C-alpha cells in the first residue's frame, strides 16, 4: 500500500473511464436517481477522453439533415449495408444483435437524445465508406456534430455538472483502477481497487464499493505493444513504422482484469486503423500521428514511386482495404502526389483542433473555405509536417522524396511515367477515359457535398495548379473494434455466455457493443454514437435490475 490507509468510496454504481461512454452512462444513471462514482485515470484537463480530439462524425439515419438533403433511408437498408460490410463470422452473435439494435434505435436513442441535450449537426450529410464494389453505405449517413467531438463531450460534461441530482455524483480524476472486487461465492462484481494520485503527486490506494460497475476504459490501440500482439496478418506483418493516433492511456489493462474475473474479451485483432497517417509536428507522446482525410484526386504511389494498382487507392470507399494494401506495400508506407490546387480543395485532417471552423461552428466561413480552398492548412502542412515535401517540378519533388525516405526505393523514372500516364488520360477527355480513379471521382461528384470538395478531374502536373506536393503516409493506430463481450444490456458475459453479476461494459471497451459491433469493417461514424447507445443501455439495465429487487 502507498499510504497507511486506503481511501474507501461507496455508491450505487461505479463508472470506470471519463470518456464519452462513461459520461453518458453517468448521466443516464443520475436520471434514474442512482448515486454514481466516476473514476478516471486521466487528469481533469483530459475529462472527455478521446472524444475531445475526434472530428465528431456519427452514422445516423432518418434525421432532419437526411430529410433536408432529400435522402430516404430506413433501418432495414442500414442493417443490410452493415451486415454486408461487417462480414461477421459465426461466433459474432452479439455483434450482429447490437448491429440490428443500432440500426433500429440510433434515431431515437442517439440522435434525438443528443438533440434534447442541445447538440446539433452540420446541415450537409457526407457519404463515406461506400465500399469498393458497393458493399458499404448505400446512402449518405455521416453527420458531423457542430463543435466536433469536443463540442459533444463538453456539452454533456456541462449537463453532468448541472444535473438535478448532482449531489449523487462524485468524480475522481487521476484514479487508476487495478482490479475488481469480486465476491468469491456469487462471482458478483462489487466495485474496484486502484491507485490514486493527489495534487501533490503523492500516490495512495483507493477502493470503490458499488452494486454495479460499468467499464468505459477505452480500447487497446494506444498501446502499440498490444497492437503488435493482436495484429492481424491480413494487413501484412506488423509495421514497425506504425504511428499512434490515440493516447497511450488506452492501454487495454482492464481487458486483462475482465478476463481475470471470468469475462470474455474477443476480436482484439479487429481494429479500425487508417492508412493515411503522418507524424504529428508537435507530438504529445511517442509516435504521435495525425490521420489525414486524403485527397481523392491525388495519385497514390508505393515506396518505389509506382502507382498502386491495378485498382487504384482512393479514399472514401473502403478504409479496411486501404490499410490492407498499405500493409502489404514495399516498406509499408505510401506516397500521395498532388498539386497545391488539389491539396487546398480536398485535403483535410481528422480531429477537433484540425477543423477549427467546425469546432467553432462558423458556417459561413466553412462555405467560403470550401469554395476557395483551405490554403492555410496546406501551408501549415508544407511548413510544419516532416512527411510533406513541396517542389516546382516533378524531378525536384522526387529528389526531396528520396531524401525524406532515405531508403533508395524510389524509382524517379517509374514515378514520372505513372504520373504522365494519369495526366494524359485526363487530358483525352471524358469520352476516352479508361481509369478507375476517374470513374470513382465521377461517382463522388454526383453527390453535392462531395462535388464541392472534389476537383473536376485535375491533372497532377499543371503549371497553373502548382507547386507539387508529396506526402509520405503510414498506418496510424486508432480504434479497437473488438473488446469485452456484452449482451444488449451491456452486461459482460462469462465463458458460458452468462452475464457476470454487477459487471457492464460500454463504448470502445466493449468493441462498441457485443465485443465487435462492426465486424471487420465499420461504415464509419459508428464509434461516438455507439458510446452513447452502449452507455445508455448499461445504465437502463442497472436501473431495471434495481426495480426488480
Protein backbone atom coordinates (compact mmCIF):
# COMPACT_ATOMS: atom_id res chain seq x y z
CA UNK A 1 0.00 0.00 0.00
CA UNK A 2 1.11 3.54 -0.75
CA UNK A 3 -0.37 5.02 2.41
CA UNK A 4 -1.29 3.76 5.85
CA UNK A 5 -4.97 3.60 5.00
CA UNK A 6 -6.80 3.25 1.67
CA UNK A 7 -9.49 5.71 0.63
CA UNK A 8 -12.89 3.97 0.53
CA UNK A 9 -15.73 5.34 -1.60
CA UNK A 10 -19.29 3.98 -1.79
CA UNK A 11 -22.13 4.50 -4.26
CA UNK A 12 -24.91 2.60 -6.03
CA UNK A 13 -22.86 2.48 -9.22
CA UNK A 14 -19.26 2.78 -10.35
CA UNK A 15 -18.30 4.09 -13.78
CA UNK A 16 -14.69 3.49 -14.85
CA UNK A 17 -13.47 5.91 -17.50
CA UNK A 18 -14.12 9.58 -18.19
CA UNK A 19 -14.65 9.36 -21.94
CA UNK A 20 -17.92 9.73 -23.83
CA UNK A 21 -19.29 6.31 -22.82
CA UNK A 22 -18.56 6.96 -19.14
CA UNK A 23 -20.12 10.42 -19.23
CA UNK A 24 -23.27 9.17 -20.97
CA UNK A 25 -23.56 6.24 -18.54
CA UNK A 26 -23.25 8.62 -15.59
CA UNK A 27 -25.88 11.00 -17.00
CA UNK A 28 -28.33 8.15 -17.55
CA UNK A 29 -27.70 6.74 -14.06
CA UNK A 30 -28.31 10.15 -12.49
CA UNK A 31 -31.52 10.45 -14.49
CA UNK A 32 -32.72 7.24 -12.79
CA UNK A 33 -31.77 8.58 -9.36
CA UNK A 34 -28.73 6.36 -8.78
CA UNK A 35 -25.68 7.60 -6.93
CA UNK A 36 -22.58 7.45 -9.11
CA UNK A 37 -18.84 7.42 -8.60
CA UNK A 38 -16.90 8.09 -11.82
CA UNK A 39 -13.17 7.34 -11.67
CA UNK A 40 -10.79 8.29 -14.44
CA UNK A 41 -7.06 7.63 -14.73
CA UNK A 42 -6.52 10.90 -16.60
CA UNK A 43 -6.28 14.38 -15.02
CA UNK A 44 -9.32 16.65 -15.04
CA UNK A 45 -7.94 18.59 -18.02
CA UNK A 46 -8.45 15.45 -20.15
CA UNK A 47 -12.05 14.84 -18.99
CA UNK A 48 -13.92 13.61 -22.06
CA UNK A 49 -11.12 11.36 -23.31
CA UNK A 50 -10.57 10.71 -26.99
CA UNK A 51 -13.85 12.38 -27.95
CA UNK A 52 -12.17 15.72 -27.21
CA UNK A 53 -9.90 15.16 -30.21
CA UNK A 54 -12.40 13.45 -32.54
CA UNK A 55 -13.83 15.08 -35.65
CA UNK A 56 -17.29 14.25 -34.34
CA UNK A 57 -18.82 12.25 -37.19
CA UNK A 58 -21.73 9.92 -36.49
CA UNK A 59 -23.57 7.47 -38.73
CA UNK A 60 -27.28 8.22 -38.33
CA UNK A 61 -30.48 7.69 -40.30
CA UNK A 62 -33.91 9.30 -40.69
CA UNK A 63 -32.61 12.57 -39.31
CA UNK A 64 -33.71 16.10 -40.13
CA UNK A 65 -30.45 16.54 -42.02
CA UNK A 66 -31.05 13.49 -44.19
CA UNK A 67 -34.60 14.64 -44.90
CA UNK A 68 -33.49 18.16 -45.89
CA UNK A 69 -30.90 16.63 -48.23
CA UNK A 70 -33.57 14.51 -49.91
CA UNK A 71 -32.32 11.19 -48.51
CA UNK A 72 -34.89 8.48 -47.81
CA UNK A 73 -33.32 5.90 -45.52
CA UNK A 74 -34.52 3.05 -43.33
CA UNK A 75 -33.30 0.74 -40.54
CA UNK A 76 -33.67 -2.21 -42.90
CA UNK A 77 -31.37 -0.67 -45.51
CA UNK A 78 -28.82 0.38 -42.90
CA UNK A 79 -28.77 -3.10 -41.38
CA UNK A 80 -28.36 -4.75 -44.79
CA UNK A 81 -25.42 -2.45 -45.55
CA UNK A 82 -23.94 -3.07 -42.10
CA UNK A 83 -24.06 -6.86 -42.35
CA UNK A 84 -22.58 -6.84 -45.84
CA UNK A 85 -19.68 -4.61 -44.78
CA UNK A 86 -19.06 -6.29 -41.41
CA UNK A 87 -18.64 -9.83 -42.76
CA UNK A 88 -19.44 -11.24 -39.33
CA UNK A 89 -18.27 -14.76 -38.56
CA UNK A 90 -20.37 -17.49 -36.97
CA UNK A 91 -19.24 -16.53 -33.44
CA UNK A 92 -20.29 -12.89 -33.72
CA UNK A 93 -23.85 -13.41 -32.48
CA UNK A 94 -23.81 -10.46 -30.08
CA UNK A 95 -22.07 -8.18 -32.56
CA UNK A 96 -24.88 -8.89 -35.05
CA UNK A 97 -27.55 -8.31 -32.43
CA UNK A 98 -26.00 -4.98 -31.49
CA UNK A 99 -25.83 -4.02 -35.17
CA UNK A 100 -29.56 -4.62 -35.51
CA UNK A 101 -30.20 -2.72 -32.28
CA UNK A 102 -28.23 0.22 -33.58
CA UNK A 103 -29.98 0.26 -36.95
CA UNK A 104 -33.40 0.45 -35.33
CA UNK A 105 -32.53 2.63 -32.32
CA UNK A 106 -29.92 5.17 -33.47
CA UNK A 107 -32.51 7.77 -34.48
CA UNK A 108 -34.35 7.85 -31.16
CA UNK A 109 -31.67 6.78 -28.69
CA UNK A 110 -28.70 8.66 -30.15
CA UNK A 111 -29.80 11.45 -32.50
CA UNK A 112 -32.95 12.53 -30.65
CA UNK A 113 -31.18 12.18 -27.30
CA UNK A 114 -28.35 14.45 -28.46
CA UNK A 115 -30.86 16.95 -29.79
CA UNK A 116 -32.55 17.00 -26.39
CA UNK A 117 -29.20 17.93 -24.87
CA UNK A 118 -28.73 20.82 -27.28
CA UNK A 119 -26.30 19.17 -29.69
CA UNK A 120 -26.79 19.93 -33.39
CA UNK A 121 -25.27 18.72 -36.67
CA UNK A 122 -23.77 20.32 -39.76
CA UNK A 123 -26.56 20.62 -42.37
CA UNK A 124 -24.76 18.71 -45.16
CA UNK A 125 -24.67 14.92 -44.80
CA UNK A 126 -21.47 13.25 -46.03
CA UNK A 127 -21.26 10.00 -47.99
CA UNK A 128 -18.32 7.93 -46.74
CA UNK A 129 -17.38 4.23 -46.84
CA UNK A 130 -19.37 3.48 -49.99
CA UNK A 131 -17.41 0.26 -50.49
CA UNK A 132 -15.13 -0.50 -53.43
CA UNK A 133 -17.85 -2.63 -55.03
CA UNK A 134 -20.94 -1.07 -53.48
CA UNK A 135 -20.53 -3.06 -50.26
CA UNK A 136 -20.69 -0.03 -47.97
CA UNK A 137 -23.14 2.78 -47.27
CA UNK A 138 -25.91 2.81 -49.86
CA UNK A 139 -26.75 6.40 -48.88
CA UNK A 140 -25.10 9.43 -47.23
CA UNK A 141 -25.32 8.96 -43.44
CA UNK A 142 -22.24 10.64 -41.95
CA UNK A 143 -23.34 13.53 -39.73
CA UNK A 144 -20.73 15.97 -38.37
CA UNK A 145 -21.57 17.31 -34.93
CA UNK A 146 -21.37 21.07 -34.58
CA UNK A 147 -18.44 21.70 -32.31
CA UNK A 148 -16.84 18.38 -33.34
CA UNK A 149 -16.21 15.65 -30.77
CA UNK A 150 -15.11 18.15 -28.15
CA UNK A 151 -18.34 20.08 -28.51
CA UNK A 152 -20.35 16.91 -27.94
CA UNK A 153 -18.47 15.69 -24.89
CA UNK A 154 -18.04 19.09 -23.24
CA UNK A 155 -21.75 19.81 -23.65
CA UNK A 156 -22.54 16.54 -21.89
CA UNK A 157 -19.98 17.24 -19.16
CA UNK A 158 -21.75 20.54 -18.53
CA UNK A 159 -25.03 18.62 -18.26
CA UNK A 160 -23.40 16.34 -15.69
CA UNK A 161 -22.16 19.24 -13.59
CA UNK A 162 -25.57 20.92 -13.55
CA UNK A 163 -27.69 17.77 -13.16
CA UNK A 164 -30.58 17.95 -10.73
CA UNK A 165 -29.03 15.00 -8.90
CA UNK A 166 -25.52 16.44 -8.83
CA UNK A 167 -25.37 15.65 -5.13
CA UNK A 168 -25.40 11.96 -6.09
CA UNK A 169 -22.30 12.28 -8.31
CA UNK A 170 -18.65 12.08 -7.29
CA UNK A 171 -15.88 12.35 -9.89
CA UNK A 172 -12.33 11.29 -9.07
CA UNK A 173 -9.59 12.07 -11.60
CA UNK A 174 -6.10 10.55 -11.55
CA UNK A 175 -7.60 7.36 -10.11
CA UNK A 176 -6.36 4.29 -11.98
CA UNK A 177 -8.24 1.03 -11.49
CA UNK A 178 -6.01 -2.02 -10.98
CA UNK A 179 -8.53 -4.79 -10.29
CA UNK A 180 -12.16 -5.57 -9.49
CA UNK A 181 -13.73 -6.51 -6.17
CA UNK A 182 -15.33 -9.92 -6.67
CA UNK A 183 -17.48 -11.92 -4.31
CA UNK A 184 -15.94 -15.37 -4.11
CA UNK A 185 -19.23 -17.23 -3.63
CA UNK A 186 -21.55 -15.45 -6.06
CA UNK A 187 -18.95 -14.19 -8.55
CA UNK A 188 -20.59 -10.76 -8.48
CA UNK A 189 -18.50 -7.64 -9.03
CA UNK A 190 -18.79 -5.20 -6.17
CA UNK A 191 -16.51 -2.36 -7.26
CA UNK A 192 -12.80 -1.91 -7.79
CA UNK A 193 -9.39 -1.39 -6.20
CA UNK A 194 -6.89 1.08 -7.58
CA UNK A 195 -4.20 3.70 -7.15
CA UNK A 196 -4.83 7.43 -6.99
CA UNK A 197 -2.53 10.41 -7.30
CA UNK A 198 -3.05 13.57 -5.28
CA UNK A 199 -2.46 17.12 -6.49
CA UNK A 200 0.91 16.97 -4.76
CA UNK A 201 1.77 13.82 -6.77
CA UNK A 202 1.52 11.55 -3.72
CA UNK A 203 0.08 8.16 -4.54
CA UNK A 204 -2.49 6.35 -2.43
CA UNK A 205 -4.65 3.26 -2.61
CA UNK A 206 -8.40 3.50 -3.01
CA UNK A 207 -11.39 1.23 -3.12
CA UNK A 208 -14.84 1.78 -4.59
CA UNK A 209 -17.72 -0.31 -3.29
CA UNK A 210 -20.73 -0.41 -5.62
CA UNK A 211 -23.52 -2.79 -6.59
CA UNK A 212 -22.89 -2.28 -10.32
CA UNK A 213 -19.77 -1.37 -12.31
CA UNK A 214 -19.64 -0.09 -15.89
CA UNK A 215 -16.24 -0.37 -17.61
CA UNK A 216 -15.76 2.51 -20.08
CA UNK A 217 -11.97 2.44 -20.17
CA UNK A 218 -11.50 2.52 -23.94
CA UNK A 219 -9.62 0.12 -26.17
CA UNK A 220 -6.08 -1.18 -26.63
CA UNK A 221 -4.87 0.92 -29.55
CA UNK A 222 -2.87 3.45 -27.55
CA UNK A 223 -0.59 0.59 -26.50
CA UNK A 224 1.46 -0.34 -29.57
CA UNK A 225 2.78 -3.46 -27.85
CA UNK A 226 -0.83 -4.68 -27.56
CA UNK A 227 -1.50 -3.66 -31.15
CA UNK A 228 1.51 -5.75 -32.19
CA UNK A 229 0.30 -8.69 -30.07
CA UNK A 230 -3.09 -8.78 -31.76
CA UNK A 231 -2.07 -7.62 -35.23
CA UNK A 232 -3.97 -9.46 -37.98
CA UNK A 233 -1.72 -10.71 -40.77
CA UNK A 234 -4.41 -9.71 -43.24
CA UNK A 235 -2.73 -6.30 -43.02
CA UNK A 236 0.70 -7.77 -43.65
CA UNK A 237 3.42 -8.07 -40.98
CA UNK A 238 3.22 -5.67 -38.06
CA UNK A 239 4.51 -2.31 -39.38
CA UNK A 240 7.50 -1.14 -37.37
CA UNK A 241 6.83 2.38 -38.69
CA UNK A 242 3.27 2.49 -37.33
CA UNK A 243 2.05 5.76 -35.82
CA UNK A 244 -0.12 6.16 -32.74
CA UNK A 245 -3.29 8.20 -33.14
CA UNK A 246 -4.65 7.86 -29.59
CA UNK A 247 -3.46 8.49 -26.06
CA UNK A 248 -1.25 5.79 -24.53
CA UNK A 249 -3.82 5.76 -21.69
CA UNK A 250 -5.88 3.47 -23.95
CA UNK A 251 -3.68 0.54 -22.97
CA UNK A 252 -6.14 -2.35 -22.54
CA UNK A 253 -5.18 -3.04 -18.91
CA UNK A 254 -8.79 -3.57 -17.82
CA UNK A 255 -9.36 -6.03 -20.64
CA UNK A 256 -6.97 -8.29 -18.75
CA UNK A 257 -8.79 -7.70 -15.47
CA UNK A 258 -12.13 -8.58 -17.06
CA UNK A 259 -10.58 -11.85 -18.20
CA UNK A 260 -9.28 -12.40 -14.67
CA UNK A 261 -12.85 -12.33 -13.28
CA UNK A 262 -14.11 -14.73 -15.95
CA UNK A 263 -15.31 -12.33 -18.65
CA UNK A 264 -14.84 -12.88 -22.37
CA UNK A 265 -12.69 -10.49 -24.40
CA UNK A 266 -12.93 -11.15 -28.13
CA UNK A 267 -11.91 -9.91 -31.58
CA UNK A 268 -8.96 -7.76 -30.45
CA UNK A 269 -7.36 -8.33 -33.84
CA UNK A 270 -10.18 -6.33 -35.43
CA UNK A 271 -9.06 -2.71 -35.47
CA UNK A 272 -10.10 0.44 -37.29
CA UNK A 273 -6.79 1.96 -38.26
CA UNK A 274 -6.13 4.45 -41.05
CA UNK A 275 -3.74 4.25 -44.00
CA UNK A 276 -3.03 7.98 -44.34
CA UNK A 277 -1.12 8.76 -41.16
CA UNK A 278 1.63 11.36 -40.87
CA UNK A 279 3.88 12.24 -37.94
CA UNK A 280 2.39 14.94 -35.72
CA UNK A 281 4.60 18.06 -35.91
CA UNK A 282 4.03 18.71 -32.19
CA UNK A 283 3.75 15.21 -30.68
CA UNK A 284 2.21 14.74 -27.25
CA UNK A 285 3.51 11.17 -26.89
CA UNK A 286 5.88 8.80 -28.72
CA UNK A 287 5.00 8.11 -32.38
CA UNK A 288 2.08 10.54 -32.20
CA UNK A 289 0.39 10.60 -35.60
CA UNK A 290 -2.28 12.60 -37.40
CA UNK A 291 -4.85 10.88 -39.59
CA UNK A 292 -5.40 12.62 -42.91
CA UNK A 293 -8.62 12.67 -44.89
CA UNK A 294 -6.57 12.44 -48.07
CA UNK A 295 -7.38 13.99 -51.47
CA UNK A 296 -9.29 11.79 -53.91
CA UNK A 297 -7.60 13.47 -56.89
CA UNK A 298 -4.07 12.76 -55.66
CA UNK A 299 -2.16 9.88 -57.17
CA UNK A 300 -1.42 7.16 -54.60
CA UNK A 301 2.02 5.58 -55.13
CA UNK A 302 4.05 2.90 -53.38
CA UNK A 303 7.55 3.42 -51.97
CA UNK A 304 9.04 2.78 -55.41
CA UNK A 305 7.02 5.61 -56.91
CA UNK A 306 4.78 3.22 -58.83
CA UNK A 307 1.07 3.85 -58.93
CA UNK A 308 -0.64 1.32 -56.67
CA UNK A 309 -2.88 -0.97 -58.68
CA UNK A 310 -4.28 -2.42 -60.77
CA UNK A 311 -7.22 -0.95 -58.82
CA UNK A 312 -6.10 2.50 -57.62
CA UNK A 313 -6.30 3.50 -53.97
CA UNK A 314 -8.95 6.20 -53.45
CA UNK A 315 -10.17 7.30 -50.05
CA UNK A 316 -13.84 7.36 -49.08
CA UNK A 317 -14.71 3.86 -50.25
CA UNK A 318 -13.08 1.15 -48.11
CA UNK A 319 -10.72 2.11 -45.26
CA UNK A 320 -10.18 -1.55 -44.35
CA UNK A 321 -8.88 -2.22 -47.87
CA UNK A 322 -6.59 0.83 -47.84
CA UNK A 323 -4.93 -0.45 -44.66
CA UNK A 324 -4.51 -3.94 -46.12
CA UNK A 325 -2.88 -2.62 -49.26
CA UNK A 326 -0.59 -0.26 -47.35
CA UNK A 327 0.48 -3.07 -45.02
CA UNK A 328 1.46 -5.23 -47.99
CA UNK A 329 3.25 -2.42 -49.87
CA UNK A 330 7.06 -2.14 -50.03
CA UNK A 331 8.30 -0.54 -46.82
CA UNK A 332 4.71 -0.42 -45.53
CA UNK A 333 4.33 3.22 -46.47
CA UNK A 334 2.91 5.06 -49.45
CA UNK A 335 3.15 8.43 -51.19
CA UNK A 336 0.35 10.68 -52.31
CA UNK A 337 1.41 13.05 -55.07
CA UNK A 338 -0.72 16.08 -55.92
CA UNK A 339 -0.52 19.78 -56.65
CA UNK A 340 -1.42 22.74 -54.47
CA UNK A 341 -4.86 23.14 -56.08
CA UNK A 342 -5.81 19.56 -55.26
CA UNK A 343 -4.49 19.82 -51.71
CA UNK A 344 -6.28 23.10 -50.97
CA UNK A 345 -9.57 21.81 -52.36
CA UNK A 346 -9.57 18.28 -50.97
CA UNK A 347 -7.12 17.89 -48.07
CA UNK A 348 -8.41 17.58 -44.51
CA UNK A 349 -7.12 16.25 -41.20
CA UNK A 350 -9.33 14.26 -38.85
CA UNK A 351 -9.73 15.90 -35.46
CA UNK A 352 -11.33 18.70 -33.47
CA UNK A 353 -8.47 21.20 -33.45
CA UNK A 354 -7.57 20.42 -37.05
CA UNK A 355 -11.08 21.64 -38.06
CA UNK A 356 -11.44 24.94 -36.18
CA UNK A 357 -14.35 26.19 -38.27
CA UNK A 358 -16.43 23.09 -37.44
CA UNK A 359 -15.20 23.25 -33.85
CA UNK A 360 -16.27 26.89 -33.54
CA UNK A 361 -19.47 26.50 -35.63
CA UNK A 362 -18.53 29.04 -38.34
CA UNK A 363 -20.94 28.05 -41.12
CA UNK A 364 -20.32 30.99 -43.48
CA UNK A 365 -16.55 30.60 -43.15
CA UNK A 366 -16.86 26.86 -43.89
CA UNK A 367 -18.76 27.66 -47.09
CA UNK A 368 -16.18 30.27 -48.06
CA UNK A 369 -13.29 27.92 -47.32
CA UNK A 370 -14.94 25.13 -49.32
CA UNK A 371 -15.25 27.42 -52.34
CA UNK A 372 -11.76 28.96 -52.09
CA UNK A 373 -9.82 26.02 -50.66
CA UNK A 374 -8.09 25.53 -47.33
CA UNK A 375 -4.79 27.15 -48.21
CA UNK A 376 -3.90 27.75 -44.55
CA UNK A 377 -3.97 24.00 -43.87
CA UNK A 378 -1.75 23.24 -46.86
CA UNK A 379 0.74 25.95 -45.85
CA UNK A 380 0.85 24.54 -42.33
CA UNK A 381 1.45 21.01 -43.58
CA UNK A 382 4.19 22.06 -46.01
CA UNK A 383 5.95 24.20 -43.40
CA UNK A 384 5.48 22.08 -40.27
CA UNK A 385 4.97 18.41 -41.16
CA UNK A 386 8.07 16.30 -41.71
CA UNK A 387 6.22 13.88 -44.01
CA UNK A 388 5.29 16.60 -46.53
CA UNK A 389 7.58 17.90 -49.29
CA UNK A 390 6.93 20.54 -51.93
CA UNK A 391 8.65 21.43 -55.25
CA UNK A 392 8.04 23.20 -58.55
CA UNK A 393 8.88 20.25 -60.81
CA UNK A 394 8.38 16.51 -60.64
CA UNK A 395 12.13 15.66 -60.75
CA UNK A 396 12.78 18.13 -57.93
CA UNK A 397 9.88 16.68 -55.95
CA UNK A 398 11.22 13.15 -56.47
CA UNK A 399 14.63 14.16 -55.15
CA UNK A 400 13.04 15.53 -51.98
CA UNK A 401 11.01 12.34 -51.63
CA UNK A 402 14.17 10.25 -51.93
CA UNK A 403 15.90 12.31 -49.28
CA UNK A 404 12.95 12.05 -46.90
CA UNK A 405 12.52 8.28 -47.34
CA UNK A 406 16.28 7.61 -47.17
CA UNK A 407 15.84 4.02 -48.34
CA UNK A 408 16.80 4.06 -52.05
CA UNK A 409 13.42 2.61 -53.06
CA UNK A 410 12.04 5.46 -55.17
CA UNK A 411 12.35 4.99 -58.93
CA UNK A 412 12.09 8.51 -60.39
CA UNK A 413 11.53 7.26 -63.95
CA UNK A 414 8.68 4.99 -62.85
CA UNK A 415 7.08 7.82 -60.91
CA UNK A 416 7.28 10.25 -63.85
CA UNK A 417 5.85 7.61 -66.19
CA UNK A 418 2.84 6.83 -64.00
CA UNK A 419 2.07 10.49 -63.32
CA UNK A 420 2.29 11.26 -67.05
CA UNK A 421 0.01 8.33 -67.94
CA UNK A 422 -2.63 9.53 -65.46
CA UNK A 423 -2.45 13.14 -66.61
CA UNK A 424 -2.63 12.13 -70.27
CA UNK A 425 -5.71 10.05 -69.55
CA UNK A 426 -7.43 13.10 -68.05
CA UNK A 427 -6.47 15.33 -70.98
CA UNK A 428 -8.01 12.95 -73.52
CA UNK A 429 -11.42 13.98 -72.26
CA UNK A 430 -14.28 12.09 -70.59
CA UNK A 431 -15.29 10.27 -73.77
CA UNK A 432 -11.93 8.45 -73.75
CA UNK A 433 -11.29 7.99 -70.04
CA UNK A 434 -10.33 4.48 -69.04
CA UNK A 435 -9.16 4.79 -65.44
CA UNK A 436 -10.94 3.57 -62.32
CA UNK A 437 -9.84 6.55 -60.22
CA UNK A 438 -11.53 8.91 -62.70
CA UNK A 439 -14.65 6.76 -62.59
CA UNK A 440 -14.67 6.99 -58.80
CA UNK A 441 -14.20 10.77 -58.96
CA UNK A 442 -17.14 10.94 -61.38
CA UNK A 443 -19.22 9.00 -58.87
CA UNK A 444 -18.13 11.20 -55.97
CA UNK A 445 -19.01 14.38 -57.83
CA UNK A 446 -22.60 13.23 -58.31
CA UNK A 447 -23.28 13.91 -54.59
CA UNK A 448 -23.27 17.67 -53.99
CA UNK A 449 -21.36 17.55 -50.69
CA UNK A 450 -18.54 15.63 -52.38
CA UNK A 451 -18.68 17.74 -55.54
CA UNK A 452 -17.89 20.85 -53.52
CA UNK A 453 -14.82 19.14 -52.03
CA UNK A 454 -13.52 17.30 -55.13
CA UNK A 455 -11.62 18.82 -58.05
CA UNK A 456 -13.04 18.49 -61.55
CA UNK A 457 -10.58 15.91 -62.93
CA UNK A 458 -7.40 17.81 -62.18
CA UNK A 459 -4.08 16.64 -63.69
CA UNK A 460 -1.15 16.38 -61.30
CA UNK A 461 1.44 18.30 -63.34
CA UNK A 462 -0.20 21.61 -64.19
CA UNK A 463 1.68 24.91 -64.09
CA UNK A 464 -1.48 26.79 -63.13
CA UNK A 465 -2.16 24.45 -60.18
CA UNK A 466 1.35 24.15 -58.67
CA UNK A 467 3.56 23.76 -56.84
CA UNK A 468 3.68 19.98 -56.50
CA UNK A 469 3.29 18.24 -53.13
CA UNK A 470 4.12 14.71 -51.95
CA UNK A 471 3.01 13.23 -48.62
CA UNK A 472 4.56 10.12 -47.08
CA UNK A 473 1.79 8.16 -45.33
CA UNK A 474 1.83 5.28 -42.87
CA UNK A 475 -0.73 3.26 -40.94
CA UNK A 476 -1.89 5.07 -37.81
CA UNK A 477 -3.35 3.09 -34.89
CA UNK A 478 -6.78 4.36 -33.90
CA UNK A 479 -9.69 2.24 -32.64
CA UNK A 480 -10.30 -1.22 -31.19
CA UNK A 481 -13.29 -2.87 -32.86
CA UNK A 482 -13.12 -5.88 -30.54
CA UNK A 483 -13.39 -5.93 -26.77
CA UNK A 484 -15.41 -7.19 -23.83
CA UNK A 485 -18.28 -9.44 -24.92
CA UNK A 486 -21.62 -7.87 -23.92
CA UNK A 487 -25.29 -8.63 -24.39
CA UNK A 488 -27.89 -5.99 -25.28
CA UNK A 489 -27.97 -4.85 -21.65
CA UNK A 490 -24.22 -4.15 -21.91
CA UNK A 491 -23.64 -6.92 -19.32
CA UNK A 492 -20.22 -8.58 -19.64
CA UNK A 493 -20.62 -12.28 -20.44
CA UNK A 494 -18.63 -15.13 -18.92
CA UNK A 495 -17.21 -18.19 -20.68
CA UNK A 496 -20.62 -19.84 -20.58
CA UNK A 497 -22.25 -16.81 -22.18
CA UNK A 498 -23.98 -15.73 -18.96
CA UNK A 499 -23.87 -12.20 -17.50
CA UNK A 500 -21.32 -11.62 -14.74
CA UNK A 501 -23.45 -10.09 -11.95
CA UNK A 502 -22.72 -6.42 -11.44
CA UNK A 503 -20.32 -6.02 -14.40
CA UNK A 504 -21.11 -4.00 -17.53
CA UNK A 505 -19.03 -2.50 -20.35
CA UNK A 506 -19.70 0.26 -22.87
CA UNK A 507 -18.02 2.09 -25.71
CA UNK A 508 -14.68 1.02 -27.12
CA UNK A 509 -14.02 -1.26 -24.13
CA UNK A 510 -16.88 -3.43 -25.43
CA UNK A 511 -15.92 -3.19 -29.10
CA UNK A 512 -18.72 -0.59 -29.24
CA UNK A 513 -21.16 -3.37 -28.38
CA UNK A 514 -21.07 -7.15 -28.29
CA UNK A 515 -17.28 -7.36 -28.45
CA UNK A 516 -17.34 -6.13 -32.04
CA UNK A 517 -20.44 -4.42 -33.41
CA UNK A 518 -18.77 -3.61 -36.74
CA UNK A 519 -17.15 -6.93 -37.60
CA UNK A 520 -14.11 -6.39 -39.83
CA UNK A 521 -15.27 -3.12 -41.41
CA UNK A 522 -17.01 -0.07 -39.99
CA UNK A 523 -19.42 2.03 -42.01
CA UNK A 524 -17.61 4.95 -40.29
CA UNK A 525 -19.23 7.21 -37.73
CA UNK A 526 -20.22 4.19 -35.63
CA UNK A 527 -17.88 4.87 -32.71
CA UNK A 528 -19.01 8.01 -30.85
CA UNK A 529 -22.63 7.10 -31.48
CA UNK A 530 -22.24 3.60 -30.02
CA UNK A 531 -20.52 5.02 -26.93
CA UNK A 532 -23.84 6.79 -26.41
CA UNK A 533 -26.05 3.78 -27.18
CA UNK A 534 -23.96 1.31 -25.12
CA UNK A 535 -23.69 3.66 -22.15
CA UNK A 536 -27.40 4.35 -22.08
CA UNK A 537 -28.24 0.65 -22.36
CA UNK A 538 -25.95 -0.24 -19.44
CA UNK A 539 -27.45 2.41 -17.17
CA UNK A 540 -31.00 1.48 -18.13
CA UNK A 541 -30.32 -2.19 -17.39
CA UNK A 542 -28.91 -1.30 -13.95
CA UNK A 543 -32.00 0.76 -13.19
CA UNK A 544 -34.27 -2.13 -14.20
CA UNK A 545 -32.33 -4.56 -12.01
CA UNK A 546 -32.84 -2.31 -9.00
CA UNK A 547 -36.55 -2.00 -9.76
CA UNK A 548 -36.90 -5.80 -9.86
CA UNK A 549 -35.18 -6.12 -6.49
